[in-house]
Amino acid sequence: MLQTAKRAGDSASHKAVPHERYLEAFRWMLQTRIFEDKLASLYRGGMITGGVYIGRGQEAVSTACGLFLQKGDVLAPLIRDQAARATFGEPLLNVTRTYLGSRQGSMRGRDGNIHRGYPEAGQLAMISHLGAMIPVVVGKLLAKRMKGEEGFVGLTTIGEGGMQTGATHEGMNIAAVEKVPFVLVASNNHFAYSTPNDREFACAHLVDRARGYGYEGHQIDGTDLAACLEVIGGAVERARAGGPPQLVVAQLLRLAGHGEHDDASYVPPEMKKERWAQDCVALTEQLALKNNWLDAEALKQWRTEISAEVDKAVETAQREAAPVGSEEDWCAMSTRELVDVVGE
């Protein structure tokens, strides 16, 4: 089964997504953009150790991935899913502490800045190896079922490059065989680092794979917030109601390099003119203003408030101490209490 969403310019799409939900999502998108612009600035200023990988251009997809999840659900975000992490409950200060190496952060200043998890909100710690989070989420869903839990959903994301890995195939297959409530959102940003689509896969559309795996497949314009909310929200609802696993493929263009160290010079100029290559934050802002869902003064206030929140988080994390190797308890678990629980 393949479904393709209407663009936000279509009246039917407007009716499907209430303006209040649209604006709620837009504010999360805006927070993510402002925050990640700050991270990029800190990286260029030498304030962040390690790489910085931002989700510029993916904010609409990422926001929709977190917005429809509930307590008890499972989210396994990847490196460009700051919006999903925030929408599903990770505090801004927690993220900032991780990037700036504070020992008060969830990673205690260790293991890079993207491998963090937030178990209090059902967010799994990220594994960098592409595709690896899919079998992890499926295993988590099977465990919850075995414990007698009901009404939960697991969602993870992947890029089109990661769709070509063995772990992706194995995880997608077992999710369908075991009929777990699973949603996979794949962003086709047309480059796996610098490798273009035609060197990644030979099928016409990645969503065509859904039927072979026993999934319901959906294809959307990843720059269209209304479509992202409608389709990803619907996929979560169907999975929660006992439907087959869901595959949503979003067409978009990453509007930055693979990381802040990469200038994305391999992207052809003509590709940047495609409809799905536009800036989803700018498009969402334009639509909200055009339809009088938000006025310019309110938008200005949003930007001021979000910038203040970001600056406060950065200032707080910068004042906090970094870990001292000779004094830290470098156990694998984040706290000794967890070590004791696992050892029982």
Protein backbone atom coordinates (compact mmCIF):
# COMPACT_ATOMS: atom_id res chain seq x y z
CA MET A 1 0.00 0.00 0.00
CA LEU A 2 1.46 3.37 -1.04
CA GLN A 3 0.12 6.74 -0.05
CA THR A 4 1.44 10.14 -1.12
CA ALA A 5 0.43 13.23 0.84
CA LYS A 6 -0.86 16.43 -0.70
CA ARG A 7 1.31 19.51 -0.50
CA ALA A 8 0.58 22.14 2.10
CA GLY A 9 -0.73 24.44 -0.61
CA ASP A 10 -3.68 22.08 -1.14
CA SER A 11 -6.80 22.94 0.83
CA ALA A 12 -7.35 19.29 1.79
CA SER A 13 -3.97 19.22 3.49
CA HIS A 14 -4.79 22.39 5.43
CA LYS A 15 -8.00 20.84 6.76
CA ALA A 16 -6.19 17.67 7.86
CA VAL A 17 -3.85 19.53 10.23
CA PRO A 18 -5.34 22.00 12.75
CA HIS A 19 -3.66 25.38 12.74
CA GLU A 20 -2.84 25.03 16.46
CA ARG A 21 -0.93 21.80 15.87
CA TYR A 22 0.80 23.34 12.85
CA LEU A 23 1.99 26.30 14.92
CA GLU A 24 3.04 24.06 17.80
CA ALA A 25 5.19 22.09 15.40
CA PHE A 26 6.58 25.24 13.80
CA ARG A 27 7.76 26.55 17.15
CA TRP A 28 9.68 23.30 17.75
CA MET A 29 11.19 23.62 14.27
CA LEU A 30 12.20 27.20 15.00
CA GLN A 31 13.76 26.25 18.34
CA THR A 32 15.78 23.53 16.63
CA ARG A 33 17.01 25.87 13.88
CA ILE A 34 18.06 28.60 16.31
CA PHE A 35 19.72 26.10 18.66
CA GLU A 36 21.62 24.29 15.93
CA ASP A 37 22.77 27.57 14.40
CA LYS A 38 24.22 28.31 17.84
CA LEU A 39 25.93 24.91 17.94
CA ALA A 40 27.47 25.53 14.52
CA SER A 41 28.76 28.91 15.73
CA LEU A 42 30.25 27.33 18.87
CA TYR A 43 31.90 24.63 16.75
CA ARG A 44 33.50 27.19 14.44
CA GLY A 45 34.71 29.05 17.52
CA GLY A 46 36.48 25.96 18.83
CA MET A 47 34.12 25.55 21.79
CA ILE A 48 32.88 22.04 20.91
CA THR A 49 35.07 18.95 20.88
CA GLY A 50 34.25 16.47 18.12
CA GLY A 51 31.92 16.96 15.18
CA VAL A 52 28.64 18.81 14.90
CA TYR A 53 25.92 17.34 12.68
CA ILE A 54 22.83 19.46 12.26
CA GLY A 55 19.41 18.77 10.78
CA ARG A 56 19.03 21.90 8.67
CA GLY A 57 16.33 21.07 6.13
CA GLN A 58 14.97 18.11 8.12
CA GLU A 59 13.20 19.99 10.91
CA ALA A 60 9.67 19.35 9.60
CA VAL A 61 10.19 15.59 9.36
CA SER A 62 12.01 15.40 12.69
CA THR A 63 9.38 17.44 14.56
CA ALA A 64 6.59 15.20 13.28
CA CYS A 65 8.54 12.14 14.45
CA GLY A 66 8.42 13.28 18.07
CA LEU A 67 5.14 15.15 18.23
CA PHE A 68 2.79 12.15 18.11
CA LEU A 69 4.61 9.88 20.55
CA GLN A 70 3.25 9.31 24.04
CA LYS A 71 4.55 8.24 27.40
CA GLY A 72 5.55 4.59 27.12
CA ASP A 73 6.56 4.89 23.47
CA VAL A 74 10.10 4.39 22.21
CA LEU A 75 12.09 6.89 20.13
CA ALA A 76 15.48 6.11 18.65
CA PRO A 77 16.72 9.39 17.15
CA LEU A 78 19.73 9.80 14.86
CA ILE A 79 22.16 12.68 14.42
CA ARG A 80 19.74 15.04 12.63
CA ASP A 81 16.80 14.50 14.97
CA GLN A 82 17.24 17.31 17.47
CA ALA A 83 13.65 18.40 16.79
CA ALA A 84 12.27 14.94 17.56
CA ARG A 85 14.34 14.70 20.73
CA ALA A 86 13.10 18.08 21.96
CA THR A 87 9.48 17.46 20.99
CA PHE A 88 9.50 14.13 22.84
CA GLY A 89 10.87 15.57 26.05
CA GLU A 90 14.63 16.08 26.10
CA PRO A 91 15.42 19.40 27.83
CA LEU A 92 17.51 21.95 25.94
CA LEU A 93 19.98 22.16 28.81
CA ASN A 94 20.63 18.41 28.65
CA VAL A 95 21.59 18.69 24.97
CA THR A 96 23.77 21.73 25.54
CA ARG A 97 25.62 20.08 28.41
CA THR A 98 26.41 17.14 26.16
CA TYR A 99 27.83 19.27 23.36
CA LEU A 100 29.88 21.42 25.73
CA GLY A 101 31.24 18.49 27.74
CA SER A 102 29.68 19.26 31.11
CA ARG A 103 30.02 16.48 33.67
CA GLN A 104 26.41 17.24 34.67
CA GLY A 105 25.09 16.13 31.29
CA SER A 106 23.62 12.70 30.64
CA MET A 107 26.91 11.55 29.03
CA ARG A 108 28.99 13.04 31.87
CA GLY A 109 31.22 14.73 29.30
CA ARG A 110 32.23 11.51 27.55
CA ASP A 111 31.56 9.49 24.37
CA GLY A 112 31.06 12.31 21.91
CA ASN A 113 28.04 14.57 21.72
CA ILE A 114 25.55 12.62 19.61
CA HIS A 115 25.38 9.24 21.35
CA ARG A 116 23.27 10.54 24.19
CA GLY A 117 19.97 9.04 25.26
CA TYR A 118 17.22 10.31 27.52
CA PRO A 119 15.62 7.21 29.06
CA GLU A 120 13.29 9.27 31.25
CA ALA A 121 11.41 10.21 28.08
CA GLY A 122 11.77 6.86 26.32
CA GLN A 123 14.67 7.96 24.10
CA LEU A 124 17.32 5.35 23.37
CA ALA A 125 21.01 6.24 23.25
CA MET A 126 22.11 6.52 19.63
CA ILE A 127 24.37 4.00 17.91
CA SER A 128 26.38 5.59 15.08
CA HIS A 129 26.46 2.50 12.86
CA LEU A 130 23.73 3.16 10.31
CA GLY A 131 20.73 0.88 10.53
CA ALA A 132 21.69 -0.43 13.97
CA MET A 133 18.90 1.40 15.79
CA ILE A 134 16.21 -0.47 13.82
CA PRO A 135 16.82 -3.94 15.34
CA VAL A 136 17.39 -2.30 18.73
CA VAL A 137 13.95 -0.65 18.62
CA VAL A 138 12.33 -3.86 17.39
CA GLY A 139 13.94 -5.76 20.26
CA LYS A 140 12.72 -3.15 22.72
CA LEU A 141 9.17 -3.46 21.35
CA LEU A 142 9.28 -7.26 21.65
CA ALA A 143 10.47 -6.91 25.26
CA LYS A 144 7.62 -4.54 26.10
CA ARG A 145 5.14 -6.97 24.57
CA MET A 146 6.59 -9.87 26.58
CA LYS A 147 6.16 -7.80 29.75
CA GLY A 148 2.46 -7.42 28.96
CA GLU A 149 2.52 -3.76 28.02
CA GLU A 150 -0.02 -2.47 25.51
CA GLY A 151 -0.71 0.59 23.36
CA PHE A 152 2.92 1.53 22.68
CA VAL A 153 4.76 2.44 19.48
CA GLY A 154 8.43 2.50 18.50
CA LEU A 155 9.81 4.97 15.97
CA THR A 156 13.25 5.45 14.53
CA THR A 157 14.71 7.32 11.60
CA ILE A 158 17.23 6.57 8.87
CA GLY A 159 18.75 8.28 5.85
CA GLU A 160 18.55 6.79 2.39
CA GLY A 161 22.19 5.74 2.67
CA GLY A 162 21.49 3.80 5.85
CA MET A 163 18.61 2.06 4.09
CA GLN A 164 21.20 0.04 2.18
CA THR A 165 22.78 -1.65 5.22
CA GLY A 166 22.32 -5.21 6.43
CA ALA A 167 21.12 -4.13 9.86
CA THR A 168 18.31 -2.15 8.24
CA HIS A 169 17.16 -5.17 6.25
CA GLU A 170 17.28 -7.51 9.23
CA GLY A 171 15.50 -5.08 11.53
CA MET A 172 12.76 -4.22 9.05
CA ASN A 173 12.19 -7.88 8.28
CA ILE A 174 11.85 -9.08 11.86
CA ALA A 175 9.55 -6.11 12.70
CA ALA A 176 7.12 -7.30 10.03
CA VAL A 177 7.46 -10.99 10.90
CA GLU A 178 6.76 -10.31 14.58
CA LYS A 179 4.13 -7.66 13.78
CA VAL A 180 5.46 -5.11 16.26
CA PRO A 181 4.04 -1.55 16.34
CA PHE A 182 6.95 0.00 14.48
CA VAL A 183 7.38 3.17 12.39
CA LEU A 184 10.46 3.84 10.27
CA VAL A 185 10.86 7.33 8.85
CA ALA A 186 13.47 7.51 6.08
CA SER A 187 14.76 10.86 4.83
CA ASN A 188 15.99 10.71 1.27
CA ASN A 189 18.26 13.74 1.26
CA HIS A 190 19.77 12.58 -2.03
CA PHE A 191 23.31 12.23 -0.69
CA ALA A 192 24.73 9.68 1.74
CA TYR A 193 27.53 12.00 2.79
CA SER A 194 28.70 12.74 -0.80
CA THR A 195 27.31 9.62 -2.51
CA PRO A 196 24.31 10.40 -4.78
CA ASN A 197 21.15 8.30 -5.03
CA ASP A 198 22.15 6.59 -8.27
CA ARG A 199 25.16 5.05 -6.53
CA GLU A 200 23.10 3.95 -3.51
CA PHE A 201 20.10 2.05 -4.87
CA ALA A 202 18.59 0.95 -8.19
CA CYS A 203 14.86 0.87 -7.41
CA ALA A 204 12.76 3.78 -8.68
CA HIS A 205 11.58 4.85 -5.24
CA LEU A 206 12.66 3.67 -1.79
CA VAL A 207 9.05 3.55 -0.66
CA ASP A 208 8.48 0.74 -3.19
CA ARG A 209 10.33 -1.54 -0.79
CA ALA A 210 7.54 -1.27 1.77
CA ARG A 211 5.34 -3.87 0.09
CA GLY A 212 8.16 -6.41 -0.11
CA TYR A 213 8.77 -6.16 3.62
CA GLY A 214 5.08 -6.29 4.52
CA TYR A 215 4.87 -2.63 5.49
CA GLU A 216 2.48 0.15 4.64
CA GLY A 217 4.40 2.70 2.61
CA HIS A 218 3.95 6.46 2.44
CA GLN A 219 5.87 9.11 0.50
CA ILE A 220 5.92 12.79 1.41
CA ASP A 221 7.57 16.08 0.56
CA GLY A 222 9.78 16.53 3.62
CA THR A 223 9.68 20.32 3.31
CA ASP A 224 5.89 20.37 3.75
CA LEU A 225 5.11 20.48 7.47
CA ALA A 226 1.39 19.80 7.00
CA ALA A 227 2.16 16.67 5.00
CA CYS A 228 4.74 15.52 7.56
CA LEU A 229 2.28 15.93 10.41
CA GLU A 230 -0.57 14.27 8.55
CA VAL A 231 1.35 11.26 7.24
CA ILE A 232 3.78 10.57 10.10
CA GLY A 233 1.03 11.18 12.64
CA GLY A 234 -1.22 8.78 10.72
CA ALA A 235 1.54 6.17 10.55
CA VAL A 236 2.02 6.32 14.33
CA GLU A 237 -1.74 6.02 14.84
CA ARG A 238 -2.04 2.98 12.55
CA ALA A 239 0.91 1.21 14.17
CA ARG A 240 -0.54 1.88 17.63
CA ALA A 241 -3.91 0.47 16.53
CA GLY A 242 -2.39 -2.85 15.49
CA GLY A 243 -1.65 -2.18 11.83
CA PRO A 244 1.44 -3.44 10.03
CA PRO A 245 4.80 -1.68 10.41
CA GLN A 246 4.92 1.69 8.67
CA LEU A 247 7.56 3.08 6.29
CA VAL A 248 7.47 6.80 5.56
CA VAL A 249 9.94 8.15 2.98
CA ALA A 250 10.45 11.91 2.92
CA GLN A 251 12.00 13.65 -0.07
CA LEU A 252 14.24 16.56 0.91
CA LEU A 253 17.73 17.98 0.62
CA ARG A 254 20.07 18.34 3.55
CA LEU A 255 20.77 22.10 3.61
CA ALA A 256 24.21 21.72 5.14
CA GLY A 257 27.14 19.40 4.74
CA HIS A 258 27.26 15.96 6.31
CA GLY A 259 28.76 17.74 9.30
CA GLU A 260 29.98 21.25 9.94
CA HIS A 261 33.38 20.16 8.62
CA ASP A 262 31.84 19.49 5.17
CA ASP A 263 30.95 22.27 2.70
CA ALA A 264 28.57 20.11 0.58
CA SER A 265 30.29 21.32 -2.61
CA TYR A 266 29.28 18.05 -4.29
CA VAL A 267 25.59 19.08 -4.46
CA PRO A 268 24.76 20.25 -8.03
CA PRO A 269 23.39 23.81 -8.18
CA GLU A 270 20.39 22.67 -10.24
CA MET A 271 19.34 20.25 -7.49
CA LYS A 272 18.96 23.13 -5.08
CA LYS A 273 16.11 24.46 -7.25
CA GLU A 274 13.91 21.40 -6.74
CA ARG A 275 10.69 21.84 -4.72
CA TRP A 276 11.86 19.31 -2.13
CA ALA A 277 15.21 21.12 -1.79
CA GLN A 278 13.74 24.25 -0.21
CA ASP A 279 14.09 25.36 3.40
CA CYS A 280 11.23 23.82 5.38
CA VAL A 281 11.53 26.41 8.17
CA ALA A 282 11.22 29.30 5.72
CA LEU A 283 8.33 27.63 3.86
CA THR A 284 6.47 26.97 7.11
CA GLU A 285 6.98 30.54 8.27
CA GLN A 286 5.73 31.93 4.96
CA LEU A 287 2.60 29.77 5.02
CA ALA A 288 1.77 30.65 8.63
CA LEU A 289 2.09 34.39 7.91
CA LYS A 290 0.23 34.17 4.60
CA ASN A 291 -2.77 32.46 6.22
CA ASN A 292 -2.73 34.78 9.25
CA TRP A 293 -2.14 31.87 11.62
CA LEU A 294 0.72 33.92 13.07
CA ASP A 295 1.59 37.60 12.75
CA ALA A 296 5.03 39.15 12.33
CA GLU A 297 5.09 40.55 15.86
CA ALA A 298 4.31 37.17 17.43
CA LEU A 299 6.98 35.52 15.28
CA LYS A 300 9.53 38.12 16.39
CA GLN A 301 8.59 37.41 20.03
CA TRP A 302 9.04 33.68 19.47
CA ARG A 303 12.53 34.23 18.09
CA THR A 304 13.45 36.46 21.01
CA GLU A 305 12.18 33.97 23.59
CA ILE A 306 13.84 30.96 21.95
CA SER A 307 17.16 32.78 21.54
CA ALA A 308 17.07 33.68 25.22
CA GLU A 309 16.41 30.03 26.15
CA VAL A 310 19.31 28.88 23.99
CA ASP A 311 21.70 31.51 25.36
CA LYS A 312 20.75 30.63 28.95
CA ALA A 313 21.39 26.92 28.33
CA VAL A 314 24.78 27.65 26.75
CA GLU A 315 25.80 30.00 29.55
CA THR A 316 24.81 27.45 32.19
CA ALA A 317 26.69 24.59 30.53
CA GLN A 318 29.78 26.72 29.97
CA ARG A 319 29.98 27.50 33.69
CA GLU A 320 29.85 23.82 34.65
CA ALA A 321 32.95 21.71 35.16
CA ALA A 322 34.25 19.24 32.61
CA PRO A 323 35.04 15.67 33.74
CA VAL A 324 38.39 14.98 35.39
CA GLY A 325 39.70 11.63 34.20
CA SER A 326 41.41 10.69 37.46
CA GLU A 327 38.28 11.43 39.49
CA GLU A 328 35.48 10.02 37.31
CA ASP A 329 33.70 6.72 37.76
CA TRP A 330 34.01 5.44 34.18
CA CYS A 331 31.51 2.61 34.49
CA ALA A 332 29.49 1.76 31.41
CA MET A 333 26.19 2.78 33.00
CA SER A 334 25.33 6.43 33.51
CA THR A 335 24.97 6.00 37.29
CA ARG A 336 26.10 3.56 39.95
CA GLU A 337 22.45 3.01 40.83
CA LEU A 338 21.86 1.52 37.38
CA VAL A 339 24.91 -0.70 37.79
CA ASP A 340 23.48 -2.02 41.05
CA VAL A 341 20.08 -2.67 39.44
CA VAL A 342 21.60 -4.53 36.48
CA GLY A 343 23.76 -6.59 38.82
CA GLU A 344 20.82 -7.82 40.89
